[in-house]
Amino acid sequence: MPTLKIDSELALARLALDLGAEGAGGPLAAEETALIHRARTSPVDAAAANEARARLRRGEDPLGHVFGALRTPVARRARGQFWTPSTIVTPMIDWARASNPTRLVDPGCGSGRFSADAARRDPAIKIIAIDRDPLATLMTRAALSVLGAKDARVICGDYLTARLPHHAGRTAWVGNPPYVRHHELGPDTKAWAATAAARVGYPISGLAGLHALFFLATVIHGKPGDVGCFVTSAEWLDVGYGSIVRNLFTNGMGGRALDLVDPRAVPFEDAMTTALITCFELGLGPRDVAVQLVDEPEDLGRLEAGKLVPAAVMAGQKRWSHMFKETPREAHNGQVLGDIARVHRGFVTGGNEFFLMTRADATRRGLSAWVKPAITQASQILTSGGVIRDTPDLRVVLDLPADFDRSGHPDVDAYLAEGEAAAVNQRYITTHRRPWWRVGIGTPAPIVASYMARQAPRFALNPDGLALLNIGHGIYPKEPLNDEQVQALVDALNAGRAGFAGAGRTYHGGLEKFEPREMEALPIPALEGRVGA
C-alpha cells in the first residue's frame, strides 16, 4: 500500500480531523485539543481523505502507514510504538471474539488497528482505546468514525493508571503493549509497578519493561471471566524481569495459550524482535496451556491450537522458551535434519509477473546487471535428479540492492515506473517493504527442496547458487560441510523419501506440505567426518 502524500504530523492530524476524529470516541483530552488547534492551520486535502476513507473500509491502515513514514524509527522506539501486521491482528481478534465479549479494550492503541478490526466486524461492540500519544488517539478516533463504531471511547492517557468504567459483561483486553525498556520509565511508573505487584502478591524486578507492566495492569483492571490476548516480545519467557508475567500467567491471569512466531520471521516493521501472542482468561484456575511455534505470522491460523503443557510444569520452571522446541530425537531416536541444518522458505516477490522475466527480456530492457537466475517452479526440483544447474531457459529475478539509486539508472527507473503504473507497489507484500521493489533474495541455499506435492519432498544440490522462489525450501548447514558431505546429505535425504510420508500436513487431494520445522524433523543418518561432530 503506497503511503498517502502527507508531509507532516500536523497534516496527518488534519487528515484525521477530516475523517471525523473530533466527533468520535467521546470527550477530547487537553493534549488532543491542543493538537487539533494547531492542525487546523493545515489545508484540507479532500482527495487524501477520500482515499484514506476507502482504504480504512477495505481493512487497511493508511493513517498508521503515514505515521510510520513521518516519525522516525528512533522516535517511535522511545514510545514503544511498533505497529502490528494484520496477519497477527486478525487471529487475535478472532480468538477474542470466540468468547463473545460485549466490550473490547485496546491498551496502547496506536493507530487503532485492533479497535478498527473489531469495529469492522461489529460496529455495535463497546470499544475503549487508550494511548498516551494524542496523534495516535486522533488516528484511532478517525478510524472508528469512518467505520461507524457506535459505542467507542478513546482515552488519551496512561493505561496503567486509567480509571475505566465498570462493565457488567465480558471484556476482551486485546492489543500490542508498548515495548519500552525499564531505563526509559520514570520513577512514578516504577513506583506504580512496585505497588501493583505487591497488590497481586508477586515481586517485580526493577528491570521490567512497560509491556510487562501492561499485563499487571490488566489483571488489576479486569475481572474474572474477562479474556485477554496480547502480542509482545518473547523475551519475558526467559529473563529475570519476566517472572512477574510468568507468575501471573500460571496463577492469577488464567493463561490459556502461547503462540510464538519464529524469531527469524521479523514480524514487526522496523524492529528485529520476536512476536509472542499470550491468550488468557482472568479467574481461570491452572490448566493445560496450548503452546505453539509457527514459522511466519501467516501460519498462525487459529490461536490456542498448540501442544498442551500442564500449568504445573510451567509453574515449576524459570525459563519457558524451550517448551516451543520440538523433540525430534525422541520420535526418531537418532539424528534429524534440524541437528545439522536450518530450513528456510524461498523468497516472495509480491508480483512474479513483474519481478521474474526471461534473460532476453532482461537484456532488452537493460536490466541484465540487476537480475539473478532463479528456481521458480517446484517441478525443477522434482525432476532435477538430485542436482539443479543454471541453464539458459531459467527465468531471472530482479534483485536490486537496498541502497539502489534509481535516478542514476534510467532503464531500471523506467521499469520500476511501469510497475508503479500497474500498481505492483500497492500489493500486500510490496507495501510492507522499504523500498517496495527490494526483494532481498539473500544467500543462496546449497541444498534446495520441494515442500508441497503429491509425493514426498525431493532434494537437490544447488552448486550454481540459484535464487529460490517460495516454491521450495532452502537448506543451510549450521556448520561448514565439504562438497562430499553436502552430496552425502542430499543422497541420504532422497534415499529416505519413502519414510517421510505423513510427516507433513496433508491437504485435500493428497497434497502433503512440509513446513520448515517439519522438514527439520526428518530423520537422517549421521554424516561421517562432519565438522564439529
Protein backbone atom coordinates (compact mmCIF):
# COMPACT_ATOMS: atom_id res chain seq x y z
CA MET A 1 0.00 0.00 0.00
CA PRO A 2 1.66 3.28 -1.04
CA THR A 3 1.80 5.93 1.66
CA LEU A 4 -0.55 8.88 1.29
CA LYS A 5 1.23 12.10 0.40
CA ILE A 6 1.15 13.72 3.83
CA ASP A 7 4.26 15.71 4.68
CA SER A 8 3.99 16.44 8.42
CA GLU A 9 2.42 15.18 11.62
CA LEU A 10 0.21 18.28 11.71
CA ALA A 11 -1.05 17.44 8.24
CA LEU A 12 -1.73 13.89 9.44
CA ALA A 13 -3.69 15.26 12.40
CA ARG A 14 -5.64 17.44 9.96
CA LEU A 15 -6.41 14.37 7.85
CA ALA A 16 -7.72 12.64 10.99
CA LEU A 17 -10.00 15.64 11.60
CA ASP A 18 -11.25 15.49 8.01
CA LEU A 19 -12.17 11.85 8.64
CA GLY A 20 -14.29 12.77 11.67
CA ALA A 21 -11.86 12.28 14.56
CA GLU A 22 -13.16 15.22 16.56
CA GLY A 23 -16.66 13.79 16.76
CA ALA A 24 -15.77 10.18 17.56
CA GLY A 25 -14.65 8.43 20.72
CA GLY A 26 -16.10 10.75 23.34
CA PRO A 27 -14.56 13.76 25.13
CA LEU A 28 -11.18 15.02 23.99
CA ALA A 29 -8.19 15.33 26.29
CA ALA A 30 -6.38 18.64 26.61
CA GLU A 31 -3.43 17.28 24.61
CA GLU A 32 -5.75 16.29 21.77
CA THR A 33 -7.48 19.67 21.79
CA ALA A 34 -4.14 21.46 21.57
CA LEU A 35 -3.05 19.29 18.67
CA ILE A 36 -6.34 19.87 16.89
CA HIS A 37 -5.96 23.64 17.28
CA ARG A 38 -2.55 23.54 15.60
CA ALA A 39 -3.69 21.06 12.94
CA ARG A 40 -6.42 23.40 11.72
CA THR A 41 -3.71 25.56 10.15
CA SER A 42 -3.04 22.74 7.66
CA PRO A 43 -5.11 22.80 4.46
CA VAL A 44 -7.89 20.33 3.80
CA ASP A 45 -6.94 17.59 1.32
CA ALA A 46 -10.23 16.13 0.14
CA ALA A 47 -8.55 13.63 -2.19
CA ALA A 48 -6.37 12.23 0.62
CA ALA A 49 -9.39 11.99 2.91
CA ASN A 50 -11.41 10.11 0.31
CA GLU A 51 -8.55 7.69 -0.35
CA ALA A 52 -7.92 7.12 3.36
CA ARG A 53 -11.64 6.53 3.98
CA ALA A 54 -11.80 3.92 1.22
CA ARG A 55 -8.69 2.13 2.48
CA LEU A 56 -9.92 2.02 6.06
CA ARG A 57 -13.13 0.41 4.89
CA ARG A 58 -11.10 -2.16 2.93
CA GLY A 59 -9.28 -3.20 6.10
CA GLU A 60 -6.10 -1.17 5.65
CA ASP A 61 -4.42 1.32 7.98
CA PRO A 62 -3.44 4.30 5.80
CA LEU A 63 -3.00 6.71 8.72
CA GLY A 64 -0.71 4.30 10.53
CA HIS A 65 1.44 3.90 7.43
CA VAL A 66 1.72 7.68 7.07
CA PHE A 67 2.65 7.95 10.74
CA GLY A 68 5.36 5.30 10.31
CA ALA A 69 6.84 7.26 7.40
CA LEU A 70 6.76 10.61 9.22
CA ARG A 71 8.03 9.65 12.66
CA THR A 72 11.49 8.11 12.67
CA PRO A 73 12.03 4.59 13.98
CA VAL A 74 14.18 6.03 16.77
CA ALA A 75 11.39 8.36 17.90
CA ARG A 76 8.82 5.56 17.76
CA ARG A 77 11.00 3.15 19.68
CA ALA A 78 11.28 5.67 22.52
CA ARG A 79 7.49 5.41 22.89
CA GLY A 80 7.37 1.67 22.23
CA GLN A 81 5.40 2.17 19.03
CA PHE A 82 5.62 -0.96 16.89
CA TRP A 83 2.63 -1.41 14.60
CA THR A 84 1.09 -4.89 14.43
CA PRO A 85 0.60 -6.52 10.98
CA SER A 86 -2.87 -7.71 10.02
CA THR A 87 -1.61 -11.31 9.93
CA ILE A 88 -1.31 -11.04 13.73
CA VAL A 89 -4.22 -8.68 14.44
CA THR A 90 -6.79 -10.88 12.68
CA PRO A 91 -6.21 -14.17 14.59
CA MET A 92 -6.03 -12.24 17.87
CA ILE A 93 -9.42 -10.60 17.27
CA ASP A 94 -10.77 -13.96 16.05
CA TRP A 95 -9.70 -15.58 19.31
CA ALA A 96 -11.16 -12.80 21.47
CA ARG A 97 -14.49 -12.77 19.61
CA ALA A 98 -14.89 -16.52 20.12
CA SER A 99 -15.61 -15.76 23.81
CA ASN A 100 -18.47 -13.40 22.86
CA PRO A 101 -17.23 -10.28 24.68
CA THR A 102 -19.50 -7.24 24.92
CA ARG A 103 -16.61 -4.82 25.32
CA LEU A 104 -13.11 -4.61 23.84
CA VAL A 105 -10.29 -2.64 25.47
CA ASP A 106 -7.33 -1.77 23.24
CA PRO A 107 -4.40 -0.77 25.51
CA GLY A 108 -1.69 1.25 23.75
CA CYS A 109 -3.93 1.52 20.70
CA GLY A 110 -1.52 3.33 18.33
CA SER A 111 -3.39 3.99 15.10
CA GLY A 112 -6.22 1.74 16.28
CA ARG A 113 -5.62 -1.45 14.31
CA PHE A 114 -7.21 -3.74 16.90
CA SER A 115 -10.12 -1.38 17.59
CA ALA A 116 -10.72 -0.89 13.87
CA ASP A 117 -10.70 -4.62 13.17
CA ALA A 118 -13.26 -5.18 15.91
CA ALA A 119 -15.44 -2.30 14.68
CA ARG A 120 -15.43 -3.56 11.10
CA ARG A 121 -16.83 -6.87 12.27
CA ASP A 122 -19.29 -5.48 14.81
CA PRO A 123 -19.86 -1.70 14.82
CA ALA A 124 -22.09 -2.08 17.88
CA ILE A 125 -19.45 -3.56 20.21
CA LYS A 126 -18.37 -1.28 23.03
CA ILE A 127 -14.76 -0.19 22.48
CA ILE A 128 -12.28 1.57 24.75
CA ALA A 129 -8.95 2.53 23.15
CA ILE A 130 -6.15 4.08 25.19
CA ASP A 131 -2.83 5.70 24.25
CA ARG A 132 -0.67 8.46 25.69
CA ASP A 133 0.14 9.91 22.25
CA PRO A 134 -2.53 12.45 21.16
CA LEU A 135 -1.73 11.89 17.49
CA ALA A 136 -2.30 8.15 17.99
CA THR A 137 -5.66 8.71 19.65
CA LEU A 138 -6.74 11.11 16.88
CA MET A 139 -5.85 8.45 14.28
CA THR A 140 -7.86 5.87 16.24
CA ARG A 141 -10.81 8.25 16.53
CA ALA A 142 -10.67 8.83 12.77
CA ALA A 143 -10.66 5.10 12.00
CA LEU A 144 -13.59 4.44 14.33
CA SER A 145 -15.51 7.35 12.82
CA VAL A 146 -15.06 6.05 9.27
CA LEU A 147 -16.05 2.52 10.33
CA GLY A 148 -19.21 3.70 12.06
CA ALA A 149 -18.36 2.48 15.58
CA LYS A 150 -21.49 3.11 17.63
CA ASP A 151 -20.13 2.88 21.19
CA ALA A 152 -16.48 3.86 21.30
CA ARG A 153 -14.46 5.74 23.89
CA VAL A 154 -10.92 6.86 23.09
CA ILE A 155 -8.75 7.95 26.00
CA CYS A 156 -5.53 9.93 25.68
CA GLY A 157 -3.82 8.84 28.86
CA ASP A 158 -1.85 6.24 30.80
CA TYR A 159 -3.29 2.72 30.67
CA LEU A 160 -1.58 1.78 33.91
CA THR A 161 -3.46 4.33 35.98
CA ALA A 162 -6.57 4.86 33.84
CA ARG A 163 -9.95 4.73 35.59
CA LEU A 164 -12.02 2.58 33.29
CA PRO A 165 -15.82 2.49 33.60
CA HIS A 166 -17.40 -0.59 35.15
CA HIS A 167 -18.71 -3.11 32.64
CA ALA A 168 -21.07 -5.89 33.68
CA GLY A 169 -20.40 -8.10 30.66
CA ARG A 170 -17.26 -9.82 29.46
CA THR A 171 -14.37 -7.59 28.38
CA ALA A 172 -11.73 -8.66 25.87
CA TRP A 173 -8.37 -6.97 26.51
CA VAL A 174 -6.61 -7.11 23.15
CA GLY A 175 -3.58 -5.23 21.89
CA ASN A 176 0.15 -4.72 21.46
CA PRO A 177 1.50 -3.22 24.70
CA PRO A 178 4.22 -0.63 24.05
CA TYR A 179 7.72 -2.04 24.23
CA VAL A 180 9.63 0.46 26.39
CA ARG A 181 12.66 -0.72 28.33
CA HIS A 182 12.92 -0.12 32.06
CA HIS A 183 15.54 2.63 31.85
CA GLU A 184 13.09 4.76 29.85
CA LEU A 185 10.44 4.51 32.58
CA GLY A 186 10.12 7.31 35.11
CA PRO A 187 10.16 6.93 38.91
CA ASP A 188 6.36 7.31 39.14
CA THR A 189 5.86 4.38 36.75
CA LYS A 190 8.29 2.20 38.68
CA ALA A 191 6.62 3.12 41.95
CA TRP A 192 3.25 2.15 40.47
CA ALA A 193 4.72 -1.18 39.37
CA ALA A 194 6.03 -2.00 42.84
CA THR A 195 2.70 -1.15 44.48
CA ALA A 196 0.65 -3.02 41.86
CA ALA A 197 2.84 -6.14 42.09
CA ALA A 198 2.51 -6.18 45.87
CA ARG A 199 -1.24 -5.88 45.43
CA VAL A 200 -1.39 -9.11 43.39
CA GLY A 201 1.10 -10.88 45.65
CA TYR A 202 4.19 -11.18 43.46
CA PRO A 203 7.60 -9.47 43.48
CA ILE A 204 8.60 -7.44 40.44
CA SER A 205 12.04 -6.63 39.11
CA GLY A 206 13.06 -3.02 38.57
CA LEU A 207 14.20 -4.17 35.12
CA ALA A 208 10.65 -4.92 33.95
CA GLY A 209 9.70 -3.03 30.79
CA LEU A 210 6.39 -1.32 30.09
CA HIS A 211 4.94 -4.28 28.19
CA ALA A 212 5.29 -6.43 31.32
CA LEU A 213 3.51 -3.76 33.34
CA PHE A 214 0.57 -3.84 30.93
CA PHE A 215 -0.07 -7.47 31.90
CA LEU A 216 -0.03 -6.45 35.54
CA ALA A 217 -2.39 -3.53 34.91
CA THR A 218 -4.82 -5.78 33.03
CA VAL A 219 -5.06 -8.19 35.96
CA ILE A 220 -5.92 -5.21 38.16
CA HIS A 221 -8.35 -3.56 35.71
CA GLY A 222 -10.13 -6.76 34.74
CA LYS A 223 -12.46 -9.17 36.48
CA PRO A 224 -12.99 -12.95 36.44
CA GLY A 225 -14.38 -14.11 33.13
CA ASP A 226 -12.67 -11.44 31.05
CA VAL A 227 -10.37 -12.67 28.31
CA GLY A 228 -7.14 -11.19 27.01
CA CYS A 229 -4.85 -11.51 24.02
CA PHE A 230 -1.60 -9.52 23.92
CA VAL A 231 1.26 -9.63 21.44
CA THR A 232 4.68 -8.74 22.84
CA SER A 233 8.34 -9.53 22.51
CA ALA A 234 9.04 -13.09 23.69
CA GLU A 235 11.96 -12.21 25.95
CA TRP A 236 9.80 -12.37 29.10
CA LEU A 237 9.67 -16.14 28.65
CA ASP A 238 13.21 -16.48 29.97
CA VAL A 239 14.60 -13.29 31.51
CA GLY A 240 14.50 -12.47 35.20
CA TYR A 241 12.17 -9.50 34.93
CA GLY A 242 9.67 -11.71 33.09
CA SER A 243 8.93 -13.60 36.30
CA ILE A 244 6.04 -11.24 37.03
CA VAL A 245 4.35 -12.24 33.77
CA ARG A 246 5.17 -15.94 34.17
CA ASN A 247 3.81 -15.95 37.73
CA LEU A 248 0.63 -14.17 36.68
CA PHE A 249 0.16 -16.40 33.64
CA THR A 250 0.12 -19.60 35.69
CA ASN A 251 -1.66 -18.24 38.78
CA GLY A 252 -3.96 -15.25 38.53
CA MET A 253 -4.11 -14.31 34.88
CA GLY A 254 -5.55 -17.62 33.73
CA GLY A 255 -3.07 -18.48 30.98
CA ARG A 256 -4.61 -20.46 28.12
CA ALA A 257 -2.18 -20.27 25.18
CA LEU A 258 1.20 -19.06 23.98
CA ASP A 259 1.74 -18.73 20.21
CA LEU A 260 5.27 -17.80 19.19
CA VAL A 261 6.30 -16.60 15.74
CA ASP A 262 9.76 -17.86 14.79
CA PRO A 263 12.32 -15.14 15.65
CA ARG A 264 13.67 -15.28 12.07
CA ALA A 265 10.36 -14.05 10.66
CA VAL A 266 10.79 -10.35 11.75
CA PRO A 267 7.03 -9.83 12.23
CA PHE A 268 7.16 -6.16 13.20
CA GLU A 269 8.11 -3.32 10.88
CA ASP A 270 11.39 -1.58 11.85
CA ALA A 271 12.03 -3.99 14.73
CA MET A 272 14.25 -7.06 14.89
CA THR A 273 12.20 -8.73 17.61
CA THR A 274 10.05 -11.77 18.18
CA ALA A 275 6.26 -11.90 18.41
CA LEU A 276 4.63 -13.86 21.22
CA ILE A 277 0.84 -13.94 21.48
CA THR A 278 -0.40 -14.56 25.00
CA CYS A 279 -4.02 -15.67 25.49
CA PHE A 280 -5.58 -15.69 28.96
CA GLU A 281 -8.88 -15.78 30.86
CA LEU A 282 -8.92 -13.91 34.15
CA GLY A 283 -10.03 -16.00 37.10
CA LEU A 284 -9.41 -19.29 35.31
CA GLY A 285 -7.67 -21.82 37.53
CA PRO A 286 -4.47 -23.64 36.48
CA ARG A 287 -4.98 -25.71 33.34
CA ASP A 288 -3.04 -27.15 30.43
CA VAL A 289 -1.59 -24.42 28.21
CA ALA A 290 -1.58 -24.67 24.40
CA VAL A 291 1.97 -23.89 23.22
CA GLN A 292 2.68 -23.40 19.52
CA LEU A 293 5.60 -22.26 17.35
CA VAL A 294 4.93 -21.08 13.79
CA ASP A 295 7.42 -20.05 11.14
CA GLU A 296 5.61 -16.94 9.85
CA PRO A 297 2.72 -14.74 11.07
CA GLU A 298 0.74 -16.02 8.09
CA ASP A 299 0.86 -19.51 9.63
CA LEU A 300 -0.86 -18.56 12.87
CA GLY A 301 -4.36 -19.59 11.83
CA ARG A 302 -6.33 -20.44 14.96
CA LEU A 303 -4.75 -19.48 18.27
CA GLU A 304 -4.79 -21.93 21.19
CA ALA A 305 -4.14 -24.84 18.83
CA GLY A 306 -0.70 -25.91 20.02
CA LYS A 307 0.54 -28.87 22.04
CA LEU A 308 -0.69 -28.94 25.65
CA VAL A 309 1.72 -28.33 28.52
CA PRO A 310 0.47 -28.75 32.12
CA ALA A 311 0.36 -25.47 34.04
CA ALA A 312 2.18 -27.19 36.92
CA VAL A 313 5.09 -27.96 34.61
CA MET A 314 5.28 -24.34 33.51
CA ALA A 315 4.98 -23.02 37.06
CA GLY A 316 7.90 -25.19 38.12
CA GLN A 317 10.33 -23.79 35.55
CA LYS A 318 12.06 -20.43 35.39
CA ARG A 319 12.52 -20.42 31.61
CA TRP A 320 9.88 -21.25 29.06
CA SER A 321 11.31 -20.81 25.56
CA HIS A 322 12.45 -24.44 25.41
CA MET A 323 8.80 -25.54 25.55
CA PHE A 324 8.37 -24.38 21.96
CA LYS A 325 11.16 -26.57 20.66
CA GLU A 326 10.28 -29.87 19.13
CA THR A 327 11.98 -33.02 20.40
CA PRO A 328 12.54 -34.98 17.21
CA ARG A 329 15.20 -37.20 18.74
CA GLU A 330 12.59 -38.80 20.95
CA ALA A 331 10.38 -39.52 17.93
CA HIS A 332 13.18 -40.81 15.70
CA ASN A 333 15.71 -41.99 18.28
CA GLY A 334 18.52 -40.54 16.23
CA GLN A 335 19.78 -37.58 14.21
CA VAL A 336 17.35 -35.31 12.36
CA LEU A 337 17.96 -32.70 9.69
CA GLY A 338 17.50 -29.87 12.18
CA ASP A 339 20.51 -31.09 14.14
CA ILE A 340 22.85 -30.03 11.35
CA ALA A 341 20.89 -27.57 9.20
CA ARG A 342 18.24 -24.88 9.24
CA VAL A 343 15.40 -24.85 6.72
CA HIS A 344 14.13 -21.56 5.31
CA ARG A 345 11.35 -20.76 2.87
CA GLY A 346 12.30 -19.38 -0.53
CA PHE A 347 11.79 -15.66 -1.14
CA VAL A 348 8.50 -13.98 -2.02
CA THR A 349 8.46 -11.32 -4.74
CA GLY A 350 4.97 -9.94 -4.25
CA GLY A 351 4.48 -9.83 -8.03
CA ASN A 352 6.05 -12.63 -10.03
CA GLU A 353 4.86 -11.30 -13.40
CA PHE A 354 6.87 -8.12 -12.70
CA PHE A 355 9.96 -9.35 -10.86
CA LEU A 356 10.50 -12.52 -12.91
CA MET A 357 11.44 -12.42 -16.60
CA THR A 358 13.40 -14.23 -19.26
CA ARG A 359 17.04 -13.37 -19.83
CA ALA A 360 16.09 -11.97 -23.24
CA ASP A 361 13.58 -9.61 -21.62
CA ALA A 362 16.16 -8.51 -19.06
CA THR A 363 18.65 -7.75 -21.84
CA ARG A 364 16.09 -5.90 -23.93
CA ARG A 365 15.13 -3.70 -21.01
CA GLY A 366 18.66 -3.00 -19.86
CA LEU A 367 18.22 -4.93 -16.60
CA SER A 368 20.81 -7.69 -17.07
CA ALA A 369 23.17 -6.29 -14.45
CA TRP A 370 20.41 -6.40 -11.82
CA VAL A 371 18.95 -9.88 -12.20
CA LYS A 372 19.80 -13.33 -10.88
CA PRO A 373 18.84 -16.76 -12.25
CA ALA A 374 16.21 -18.40 -10.09
CA ILE A 375 14.39 -21.65 -9.36
CA THR A 376 10.78 -20.67 -9.96
CA GLN A 377 8.88 -23.97 -10.21
CA ALA A 378 8.74 -26.97 -7.88
CA SER A 379 8.94 -29.24 -10.92
CA GLN A 380 12.50 -28.03 -11.49
CA ILE A 381 13.48 -29.62 -8.18
CA LEU A 382 11.27 -32.68 -8.53
CA THR A 383 12.81 -33.58 -11.92
CA SER A 384 16.37 -32.48 -11.15
CA GLY A 385 17.80 -35.89 -10.36
CA GLY A 386 19.43 -34.51 -7.22
CA VAL A 387 21.26 -31.51 -8.71
CA ILE A 388 19.87 -28.38 -10.29
CA ARG A 389 22.04 -26.23 -12.58
CA ASP A 390 21.86 -22.80 -14.18
CA THR A 391 20.61 -23.20 -17.75
CA PRO A 392 19.64 -20.61 -20.39
CA ASP A 393 15.94 -21.39 -20.03
CA LEU A 394 15.79 -20.47 -16.34
CA ARG A 395 13.97 -17.25 -15.60
CA VAL A 396 15.74 -14.47 -13.74
CA VAL A 397 14.57 -12.27 -10.87
CA LEU A 398 15.09 -8.54 -10.41
CA ASP A 399 17.22 -8.14 -7.28
CA LEU A 400 18.12 -4.52 -6.60
CA PRO A 401 20.28 -3.62 -3.58
CA ALA A 402 18.71 -1.72 -0.72
CA ASP A 403 20.75 1.41 -1.45
CA PHE A 404 19.99 1.39 -5.18
CA ASP A 405 19.64 4.90 -6.66
CA ARG A 406 17.05 4.54 -9.39
CA SER A 407 17.58 8.11 -10.56
CA GLY A 408 21.05 7.16 -11.77
CA HIS A 409 19.82 4.20 -13.85
CA PRO A 410 17.21 5.34 -16.40
CA ASP A 411 16.42 1.84 -17.71
CA VAL A 412 15.74 0.47 -14.25
CA ASP A 413 13.82 3.57 -13.25
CA ALA A 414 11.60 3.23 -16.31
CA TYR A 415 10.86 -0.40 -15.46
CA LEU A 416 10.04 0.45 -11.84
CA ALA A 417 7.76 3.21 -13.06
CA GLU A 418 5.90 0.63 -15.17
CA GLY A 419 5.41 -1.44 -12.05
CA GLU A 420 4.06 1.56 -10.17
CA ALA A 421 1.69 2.35 -13.02
CA ALA A 422 0.44 -1.24 -12.82
CA ALA A 423 0.04 -0.88 -9.01
CA VAL A 424 2.59 -3.63 -8.26
CA ASN A 425 3.78 -1.38 -5.44
CA GLN A 426 0.29 -1.43 -3.87
CA ARG A 427 0.09 -5.16 -3.21
CA TYR A 428 0.20 -6.66 0.25
CA ILE A 429 3.82 -7.87 0.14
CA THR A 430 5.25 -4.83 -1.64
CA THR A 431 3.54 -2.37 0.70
CA HIS A 432 5.38 -4.00 3.60
CA ARG A 433 8.82 -3.49 2.05
CA ARG A 434 11.03 -0.41 2.08
CA PRO A 435 11.54 0.29 -0.78
CA TRP A 436 8.75 -1.70 -2.40
CA TRP A 437 11.00 -3.15 -5.12
CA ARG A 438 13.63 -4.54 -2.76
CA VAL A 439 13.04 -8.31 -2.92
CA GLY A 440 16.02 -9.23 -0.71
CA ILE A 441 16.92 -12.68 -2.00
CA GLY A 442 19.74 -13.28 0.47
CA THR A 443 22.36 -16.02 0.48
CA PRO A 444 21.75 -18.91 -1.96
CA ALA A 445 20.96 -22.23 -0.29
CA PRO A 446 23.46 -25.02 -1.02
CA ILE A 447 20.56 -27.51 -0.96
CA VAL A 448 17.00 -26.91 -2.14
CA ALA A 449 13.89 -28.99 -1.51
CA SER A 450 10.33 -29.23 -2.74
CA TYR A 451 7.82 -28.94 0.09
CA MET A 452 4.32 -29.39 -1.33
CA ALA A 453 3.35 -32.11 -3.78
CA ARG A 454 1.51 -35.40 -4.07
CA GLN A 455 4.77 -37.08 -3.19
CA ALA A 456 7.43 -36.75 -0.52
CA PRO A 457 9.91 -33.84 -0.72
CA ARG A 458 12.79 -34.19 -3.16
CA PHE A 459 16.18 -32.65 -2.50
CA ALA A 460 18.80 -31.22 -4.86
CA LEU A 461 22.24 -29.67 -4.78
CA ASN A 462 22.39 -26.04 -5.86
CA PRO A 463 26.04 -25.68 -6.94
CA ASP A 464 25.44 -22.60 -9.13
CA GLY A 465 23.88 -20.61 -6.28
CA LEU A 466 20.47 -20.14 -7.89
CA ALA A 467 17.98 -17.93 -6.11
CA LEU A 468 14.98 -19.85 -4.76
CA LEU A 469 11.40 -18.66 -5.06
CA ASN A 470 8.94 -19.70 -2.36
CA ILE A 471 8.03 -22.82 -4.31
CA GLY A 472 10.73 -24.59 -2.32
CA HIS A 473 12.76 -24.53 0.89
CA GLY A 474 16.45 -23.77 1.21
CA ILE A 475 18.59 -25.95 3.47
CA TYR A 476 21.55 -24.25 5.17
CA PRO A 477 24.07 -26.36 7.16
CA LYS A 478 24.77 -24.92 10.60
CA GLU A 479 28.44 -25.87 10.32
CA PRO A 480 30.71 -25.96 7.25
CA LEU A 481 30.33 -29.10 5.15
CA ASN A 482 32.65 -30.01 2.31
CA ASP A 483 31.32 -30.95 -1.13
CA GLU A 484 31.32 -34.67 -0.36
CA GLN A 485 29.37 -34.16 2.85
CA VAL A 486 26.78 -31.95 1.16
CA GLN A 487 26.39 -34.58 -1.55
CA ALA A 488 26.06 -37.30 1.10
CA LEU A 489 23.34 -35.29 2.86
CA VAL A 490 21.33 -34.87 -0.36
CA ASP A 491 21.73 -38.55 -1.17
CA ALA A 492 20.61 -39.56 2.33
CA LEU A 493 17.54 -37.33 2.19
CA ASN A 494 16.49 -38.58 -1.22
CA ALA A 495 17.13 -42.18 -0.21
CA GLY A 496 14.88 -41.74 2.83
CA ARG A 497 11.98 -40.11 0.97
CA ALA A 498 9.71 -43.14 1.27
CA GLY A 499 9.79 -42.81 5.05
CA PHE A 500 8.84 -39.13 5.07
CA ALA A 501 5.21 -39.67 4.04
CA GLY A 502 2.85 -38.48 6.75
CA ALA A 503 5.45 -36.29 8.47
CA GLY A 504 3.99 -33.14 6.88
CA ARG A 505 0.46 -31.73 6.66
CA THR A 506 -1.94 -33.47 4.30
CA TYR A 507 -4.47 -31.42 2.34
CA HIS A 508 -7.43 -32.26 0.12
CA GLY A 509 -6.40 -34.19 -2.97
CA GLY A 510 -3.44 -35.87 -1.33
CA LEU A 511 -1.16 -32.84 -1.28
CA GLU A 512 1.33 -33.01 1.56
CA LYS A 513 3.01 -29.84 2.78
CA PHE A 514 6.18 -29.69 4.87
CA GLU A 515 6.71 -26.50 6.86
CA PRO A 516 10.36 -25.65 7.62
CA ARG A 517 10.12 -27.03 11.16
CA GLU A 518 8.57 -30.25 9.93
CA MET A 519 11.33 -30.69 7.38
CA GLU A 520 13.94 -30.09 10.08
CA ALA A 521 12.40 -33.02 11.99
CA LEU A 522 13.09 -35.51 9.18
CA PRO A 523 15.47 -38.31 10.26
CA ILE A 524 18.87 -38.65 8.59
CA PRO A 525 21.88 -40.89 9.17
CA ALA A 526 24.97 -39.41 10.79
CA LEU A 527 27.39 -37.84 8.31
CA GLU A 528 30.92 -39.15 8.56
CA GLY A 529 33.55 -36.51 9.19
CA ARG A 530 31.08 -33.72 9.85
CA VAL A 531 32.78 -30.58 11.15
CA GLY A 532 32.18 -30.29 14.87
CA ALA A 533 30.96 -33.91 15.21
